[in-house]
Protein backbone atom coordinates (compact mmCIF):
# COMPACT_ATOMS: atom_id res chain seq x y z
CA MET A 1 -112.00 79.61 90.90
CA LEU A 2 -110.76 76.05 90.54
CA ASP A 3 -112.25 73.19 92.48
CA ALA A 4 -110.12 70.53 94.21
CA ALA A 5 -109.95 68.08 91.19
CA GLU A 6 -109.08 70.82 88.70
CA LEU A 7 -106.42 72.21 91.00
CA SER A 8 -104.81 68.76 91.37
CA THR A 9 -104.98 68.24 87.63
CA HIS A 10 -103.34 71.65 87.05
CA ARG A 11 -100.56 70.79 89.62
CA LYS A 12 -99.84 67.43 87.98
CA ARG A 13 -99.63 69.11 84.58
CA LEU A 14 -97.47 71.73 85.75
CA ASN A 15 -95.09 69.30 87.66
CA ARG A 16 -94.82 67.23 84.54
CA ARG A 17 -93.99 70.31 82.46
CA ARG A 18 -91.27 71.31 84.99
CA MET A 19 -89.83 67.69 84.76
CA HIS A 20 -89.75 67.75 81.00
CA LEU A 21 -88.18 71.18 80.92
CA ALA A 22 -85.52 70.24 83.66
CA ALA A 23 -84.55 67.15 81.59
CA PHE A 24 -84.42 69.28 78.34
CA LEU A 25 -82.20 72.01 79.90
CA CYS A 26 -79.86 69.55 81.53
CA LEU A 27 -79.46 67.53 78.46
CA LEU A 28 -78.90 70.56 76.34
CA LEU A 29 -76.37 71.86 78.94
CA LEU A 30 -74.48 68.45 78.81
CA PHE A 31 -74.23 68.67 74.97
CA THR A 32 -73.18 72.30 75.07
CA ALA A 33 -70.42 71.30 77.59
CA PHE A 34 -69.15 68.50 75.11
CA TRP A 35 -69.25 71.10 72.23
CA ARG A 36 -67.44 73.84 74.24
CA LEU A 37 -64.72 71.53 75.55
CA GLY A 38 -64.13 69.73 72.30
CA ALA A 39 -64.42 72.38 69.60
CA GLY A 40 -62.15 75.33 69.01
CA GLU A 41 -59.03 76.12 67.02
CA TRP A 42 -57.76 72.63 67.99
CA ASP A 43 -60.68 70.16 67.81
CA ILE A 44 -60.51 67.29 70.21
CA PRO A 45 -62.63 64.18 69.95
CA LEU A 46 -65.28 63.67 72.62
CA ALA A 47 -63.61 60.29 73.79
CA ARG A 48 -60.46 62.12 74.32
CA VAL A 49 -62.00 64.91 76.19
CA LEU A 50 -63.64 62.46 78.57
CA THR A 51 -60.37 60.84 79.09
CA LEU A 52 -58.48 64.04 79.80
CA LEU A 53 -61.15 65.00 82.30
CA SER A 54 -60.74 61.83 84.24
CA PRO A 55 -59.49 62.29 87.81
CA LEU A 56 -57.51 59.01 87.24
CA LEU A 57 -55.46 60.56 84.43
CA GLU A 58 -51.82 59.80 84.60
CA GLU A 59 -49.51 62.48 85.74
CA SER A 60 -47.67 62.52 82.52
CA SER A 61 -50.87 62.93 80.40
CA ARG A 62 -51.88 65.92 82.53
CA THR A 63 -49.09 68.02 81.10
CA SER A 64 -49.83 67.33 77.43
CA PRO A 65 -51.06 70.09 75.23
CA GLU A 66 -54.55 68.70 74.86
CA ALA A 67 -54.90 68.27 78.66
CA LEU A 68 -53.78 71.86 79.25
CA ILE A 69 -56.17 73.22 76.76
CA ILE A 70 -59.20 71.16 78.33
CA ARG A 71 -58.34 71.60 82.01
CA SER A 72 -56.82 75.06 81.92
CA VAL A 73 -58.70 77.08 79.19
CA ARG A 74 -61.79 75.43 78.00
CA LEU A 75 -63.34 74.01 81.17
CA PRO A 76 -62.77 77.16 83.29
CA ARG A 77 -64.29 79.24 80.45
CA PHE A 78 -67.34 76.96 80.26
CA LEU A 79 -67.87 76.83 83.87
CA ALA A 80 -67.38 80.64 84.17
CA ALA A 81 -70.11 81.14 81.41
CA VAL A 82 -72.61 78.85 83.18
CA GLY A 83 -71.92 80.30 86.63
CA THR A 84 -72.16 83.96 85.29
CA GLY A 85 -75.35 83.24 83.32
CA GLY A 86 -76.91 81.52 86.11
CA LEU A 87 -75.94 84.24 88.47
CA LEU A 88 -77.42 87.07 86.33
CA ALA A 89 -80.70 85.12 85.68
CA VAL A 90 -81.13 84.35 89.41
CA ALA A 91 -80.52 88.02 90.30
CA GLY A 92 -83.04 89.12 87.81
CA ALA A 93 -85.77 86.65 89.16
CA VAL A 94 -85.09 87.73 92.67
CA LEU A 95 -85.27 91.44 91.92
CA GLN A 96 -88.42 91.12 89.57
CA GLY A 97 -90.21 89.36 92.42
CA LEU A 98 -88.87 91.41 95.18
CA LEU A 99 -89.83 94.68 93.46
CA THR A 100 -92.88 93.44 91.67
CA ASN A 101 -91.52 94.94 88.42
CA PRO A 102 -90.86 93.02 85.31
CA LEU A 103 -88.11 95.39 84.25
CA ALA A 104 -86.14 94.95 87.54
CA GLU A 105 -82.61 93.45 87.23
CA PRO A 106 -79.10 94.35 88.20
CA TYR A 107 -78.58 96.60 85.10
CA THR A 108 -81.86 98.45 85.07
CA LEU A 109 -81.35 99.13 88.89
CA GLY A 110 -78.01 100.76 88.41
CA ILE A 111 -76.08 98.00 90.34
CA ALA A 112 -74.06 96.83 87.29
CA ALA A 113 -73.36 100.54 86.18
CA GLY A 114 -72.05 101.00 89.73
CA ALA A 115 -69.76 97.96 89.44
CA ALA A 116 -68.62 99.18 85.95
CA PHE A 117 -67.94 102.63 87.34
CA GLY A 118 -65.79 101.31 90.23
CA GLY A 119 -64.08 98.77 88.08
CA ALA A 120 -63.31 101.57 85.38
CA ILE A 121 -61.61 103.50 88.32
CA GLY A 122 -59.57 100.37 89.18
CA PHE A 123 -58.30 100.40 85.67
CA LEU A 124 -56.77 103.72 86.22
CA PHE A 125 -54.60 102.12 88.71
CA ASN A 126 -53.87 98.56 87.69
CA SER A 127 -55.83 95.38 86.84
CA TYR A 128 -55.63 94.10 90.43
CA ALA A 129 -57.71 97.04 91.73
CA VAL A 130 -60.66 96.08 89.41
CA PRO A 131 -62.44 93.51 91.48
CA PRO A 132 -62.35 95.59 94.88
CA MET A 133 -63.34 98.73 93.16
CA ALA A 134 -66.07 97.01 91.23
CA PHE A 135 -67.49 95.76 94.57
CA ALA A 136 -67.09 99.12 96.09
CA GLY A 137 -68.98 100.76 93.15
CA ALA A 138 -71.84 98.16 93.29
CA MET A 139 -72.27 98.82 97.11
CA ALA A 140 -72.05 102.76 96.50
CA ALA A 141 -74.73 102.34 93.73
CA LEU A 142 -76.79 100.33 96.11
CA TRP A 143 -76.59 103.10 98.70
CA LEU A 144 -77.43 105.75 96.06
CA VAL A 145 -80.49 103.80 94.91
CA SER A 146 -81.57 103.30 98.57
CA TYR A 147 -80.98 107.02 99.38
CA ILE A 148 -82.94 108.23 96.46
CA SER A 149 -85.73 105.78 97.03
CA SER A 150 -86.07 106.62 100.82
CA ARG A 151 -86.30 110.41 99.92
CA SER A 152 -89.08 109.64 97.43
CA GLY A 153 -91.31 107.30 99.30
CA GLY A 154 -89.40 104.11 99.86
CA GLY A 155 -91.61 101.73 98.00
CA ALA A 156 -90.78 99.12 95.51
CA SER A 157 -91.73 101.45 92.57
CA SER A 158 -89.43 104.24 93.92
CA ILE A 159 -86.59 101.72 94.01
CA VAL A 160 -86.90 100.97 90.34
CA LEU A 161 -87.04 104.71 89.41
CA ALA A 162 -84.20 105.49 91.64
CA GLY A 163 -82.31 102.70 90.00
CA ILE A 164 -82.91 104.18 86.59
CA ILE A 165 -81.57 107.56 87.75
CA ALA A 166 -78.48 105.95 89.37
CA ASN A 167 -77.92 104.03 86.21
CA ALA A 168 -77.93 107.30 84.04
CA ILE A 169 -75.58 109.12 86.53
CA LEU A 170 -73.11 106.19 86.74
CA SER A 171 -73.18 105.47 83.09
CA ALA A 172 -72.22 109.10 82.51
CA GLY A 173 -69.40 108.64 85.00
CA VAL A 174 -68.17 105.56 83.16
CA THR A 175 -68.08 107.64 79.90
CA PHE A 176 -66.12 110.41 81.67
CA LEU A 177 -63.48 107.84 82.93
CA LYS A 178 -63.22 106.44 79.36
CA ALA A 179 -62.58 110.09 78.15
CA ILE A 180 -59.66 110.49 80.52
CA ALA A 181 -58.23 106.97 80.38
CA ASP A 182 -55.58 107.64 77.67
CA ASP A 183 -53.54 104.55 77.07
CA ARG A 184 -55.99 102.42 79.10
CA LEU A 185 -59.06 103.25 77.22
CA SER A 186 -58.98 100.11 74.92
CA ALA A 187 -58.71 97.81 78.05
CA ILE A 188 -61.69 99.53 79.68
CA VAL A 189 -63.80 99.38 76.55
CA LEU A 190 -63.12 95.73 75.91
CA TRP A 191 -63.72 94.86 79.53
CA LEU A 192 -67.12 96.89 79.62
CA MET A 193 -68.42 94.96 76.43
CA GLY A 194 -68.16 91.75 78.27
CA SER A 195 -66.00 88.83 77.55
CA LEU A 196 -65.16 85.28 78.89
CA SER A 197 -62.01 84.80 76.85
CA GLY A 198 -59.77 85.21 79.80
CA ALA A 199 -61.60 83.18 82.30
CA SER A 200 -59.23 81.52 84.66
CA PRO A 201 -59.81 78.67 87.18
CA LEU A 202 -59.79 81.13 90.01
CA ALA A 203 -62.39 83.30 88.20
CA ALA A 204 -64.58 80.28 87.56
CA VAL A 205 -64.42 79.23 91.06
CA SER A 206 -65.04 82.76 92.40
CA ILE A 207 -68.17 83.23 90.15
CA TRP A 208 -69.65 79.97 91.35
CA VAL A 209 -69.03 81.12 94.93
CA ALA A 210 -70.81 84.41 94.25
CA ALA A 211 -73.62 82.66 92.62
CA LEU A 212 -73.99 80.37 95.67
CA ILE A 213 -73.91 83.43 98.08
CA LEU A 214 -76.86 84.81 96.09
CA PHE A 215 -78.78 81.58 95.47
CA VAL A 216 -78.87 80.21 98.99
CA PRO A 217 -80.48 83.18 100.75
CA ALA A 218 -82.85 83.84 97.82
CA PHE A 219 -83.89 80.19 97.99
CA LEU A 220 -84.40 80.13 101.68
CA CYS A 221 -86.45 83.40 101.28
CA ALA A 222 -88.50 82.19 98.41
CA ARG A 223 -91.84 81.99 100.11
CA GLN A 224 -91.34 85.54 101.45
CA ILE A 225 -90.54 86.72 97.87
CA ASP A 226 -93.67 84.93 96.71
CA ALA A 227 -95.83 86.91 99.34
CA VAL A 228 -94.12 90.24 98.54
CA SER A 229 -94.51 89.80 94.71
CA LEU A 230 -98.38 89.65 95.00
CA SER A 231 -98.58 93.35 95.52
CA GLU A 232 -96.74 96.03 97.44
CA GLY A 233 -97.62 95.89 101.08
CA GLN A 234 -99.03 92.31 100.89
CA GLY A 235 -95.93 90.94 102.65
CA THR A 236 -96.41 93.31 105.59
CA LEU A 237 -100.05 92.03 105.92
CA LEU A 238 -98.59 88.41 106.33
CA GLY A 239 -96.01 89.51 108.94
CA ILE A 240 -92.97 89.98 106.64
CA ASN A 241 -90.48 92.65 107.22
CA GLU A 242 -90.45 93.84 103.54
CA LYS A 243 -87.63 96.41 104.25
CA LYS A 244 -85.34 93.93 105.82
CA LEU A 245 -86.07 91.32 103.15
CA ARG A 246 -85.24 93.93 100.41
CA CYS A 247 -82.13 94.94 102.24
CA LEU A 248 -80.78 91.41 102.43
CA LEU A 249 -81.66 90.46 98.83
CA LEU A 250 -80.58 93.60 97.23
CA THR A 251 -77.16 93.56 99.06
CA VAL A 252 -76.43 89.84 98.07
CA SER A 253 -77.67 90.59 94.43
CA SER A 254 -75.32 93.54 94.27
CA LEU A 255 -72.38 91.71 95.58
CA ALA A 256 -73.01 88.81 93.20
CA THR A 257 -73.38 91.18 90.22
CA ALA A 258 -70.33 92.91 91.27
CA ALA A 259 -68.36 89.72 90.98
CA ALA A 260 -69.63 88.96 87.53
CA VAL A 261 -68.85 92.35 86.29
CA SER A 262 -65.36 92.71 87.95
CA PHE A 263 -64.38 89.44 86.32
CA PHE A 264 -66.06 89.57 82.83
CA GLY A 265 -67.58 93.08 82.29
CA ILE A 266 -71.06 94.07 81.29
CA ILE A 267 -73.21 91.12 80.04
CA GLY A 268 -76.82 92.37 79.51
CA PHE A 269 -80.27 90.73 78.74
CA VAL A 270 -79.59 87.57 80.65
CA GLY A 271 -81.11 88.68 83.99
CA LEU A 272 -83.93 90.44 82.24
CA ALA A 273 -85.41 87.90 79.81
CA VAL A 274 -84.51 84.59 81.19
CA PRO A 275 -86.73 84.74 84.25
CA HIS A 276 -89.62 85.99 82.07
CA LEU A 277 -89.16 82.88 79.78
CA MET A 278 -88.99 80.46 82.59
CA ARG A 279 -92.04 82.08 84.40
CA ASN A 280 -94.07 81.44 81.28
CA PHE A 281 -93.12 77.71 81.32
CA ILE A 282 -93.27 76.90 84.94
CA GLY A 283 -95.28 79.53 86.68
CA PRO A 284 -94.42 82.28 89.12
CA SER A 285 -93.46 80.25 92.20
CA THR A 286 -89.94 81.50 93.37
CA LYS A 287 -88.35 78.27 94.33
CA PRO A 288 -88.53 76.40 91.03
CA LEU A 289 -88.10 79.74 89.21
CA LEU A 290 -84.72 80.28 90.76
CA VAL A 291 -83.51 76.68 89.86
CA PHE A 292 -84.75 76.91 86.28
CA SER A 293 -83.47 80.40 85.82
CA PHE A 294 -80.02 79.45 86.91
CA LEU A 295 -80.08 76.37 84.35
CA ALA A 296 -81.49 78.45 81.54
CA GLY A 297 -79.24 81.43 82.15
CA GLY A 298 -76.12 79.28 82.27
CA LEU A 299 -77.02 77.51 79.08
CA LEU A 300 -77.75 80.80 77.29
CA LEU A 301 -74.61 82.47 78.24
CA ALA A 302 -72.54 79.17 77.36
CA LEU A 303 -74.09 79.05 73.96
CA ALA A 304 -73.74 82.87 73.35
CA ASP A 305 -69.97 82.46 74.36
CA GLY A 306 -69.58 79.70 71.93
CA ALA A 307 -71.05 81.84 69.18
CA ALA A 308 -68.89 84.74 70.26
CA GLN A 309 -65.74 82.50 70.02
CA ARG A 310 -66.83 81.16 66.57
CA LEU A 311 -67.27 84.66 65.22
CA GLY A 312 -63.72 85.67 65.97
CA GLU A 313 -63.74 86.09 69.80
CA LEU A 314 -66.27 88.83 69.93
CA PRO A 315 -67.40 90.17 73.30
CA VAL A 316 -70.16 87.96 74.52
CA GLY A 317 -71.97 90.93 75.85
CA VAL A 318 -72.39 92.22 72.34
CA ILE A 319 -73.96 88.80 71.34
CA THR A 320 -76.38 88.82 74.17
CA ALA A 321 -77.38 92.25 73.35
CA LEU A 322 -77.86 91.72 69.63
CA ILE A 323 -79.87 88.51 70.09
CA GLY A 324 -81.51 89.32 73.46
CA GLY A 325 -83.02 92.68 72.67
CA PRO A 326 -85.05 91.97 69.72
CA PHE A 327 -86.05 88.70 71.11
CA PHE A 328 -87.31 90.40 74.35
CA CYS A 329 -89.27 92.85 72.24
CA TRP A 330 -90.91 90.00 70.37
CA ILE A 331 -91.86 88.46 73.85
CA LEU A 332 -93.30 91.75 74.99
CA MET A 333 -95.32 92.20 71.75
CA SER A 334 -96.47 88.50 71.76
CA ARG A 335 -97.81 88.90 75.30
CA ARG A 336 -99.63 92.20 74.36
CA HIS A 337 -101.40 90.41 71.45
CA SER A 338 -102.38 87.43 73.55
CA VAL A 339 -104.11 89.55 76.20
């Protein structure tokens, strides 16, 4: 047990670390923004980028090729990357704390697979059907997970196991749809691999709205998540309705994930590893974890998207999986040896 003086020193050290990390992430995010807006097939100097982004820009300059590239292509893509990465990281942080399981995130719980299954069905009709079908698929997956969990005990551990089962079933469903897609197969495959290349201003705004819909209730319920994350049943002892809390946050996490999948496909690893990394730096408290996870997740996906574009417009989901999988294994092995 720490005495009062040691506890105060620990808190000051932790707050100092958080301030330094926040400044580092914000600065790196700013540099990444300058890089993503200025670099491409047509490199634009930083001074010119800042001029073209000015709200006081003359009407004649707004229709120039450089302005159209910055305002209509690169800026929406960068904002979409930051919003999507932040959304997935926050969803992972929420679900890991809520279910007291380090492997919990939208993809391992089958939510993303449900959105992918629904979106793939939408592709069989037309591209406009993809977003609503992805939302329907995510909610159907959440219902399936909840049903399986309730029939097998209803605890946090059973939700994770039910998610693994649902993920396997729905992934098989996606494979079946690809087998019968015929001429739409290539579009479905490219979408499922995850890409931000076609990000529009509407998609960027929509993904930030989805991130806000997830972030606000999660932030307001942060203390309850902290209590629930101590151990299963601990929240009930403190007067928290765990079932209601899980229902609320699982629903908003599913809706937010469906938005990300419907616009940009499957982008893995971010929601799994980013909360782990941030938790190692700033501690397990949910409120700061949500903020730092959003910043780090957005930064990670913006950098990965930049790398994907430089490598010939590869799907960003492939980049995050190739880099993130081995890196996450290294983290797990490092933690094992440090115990």
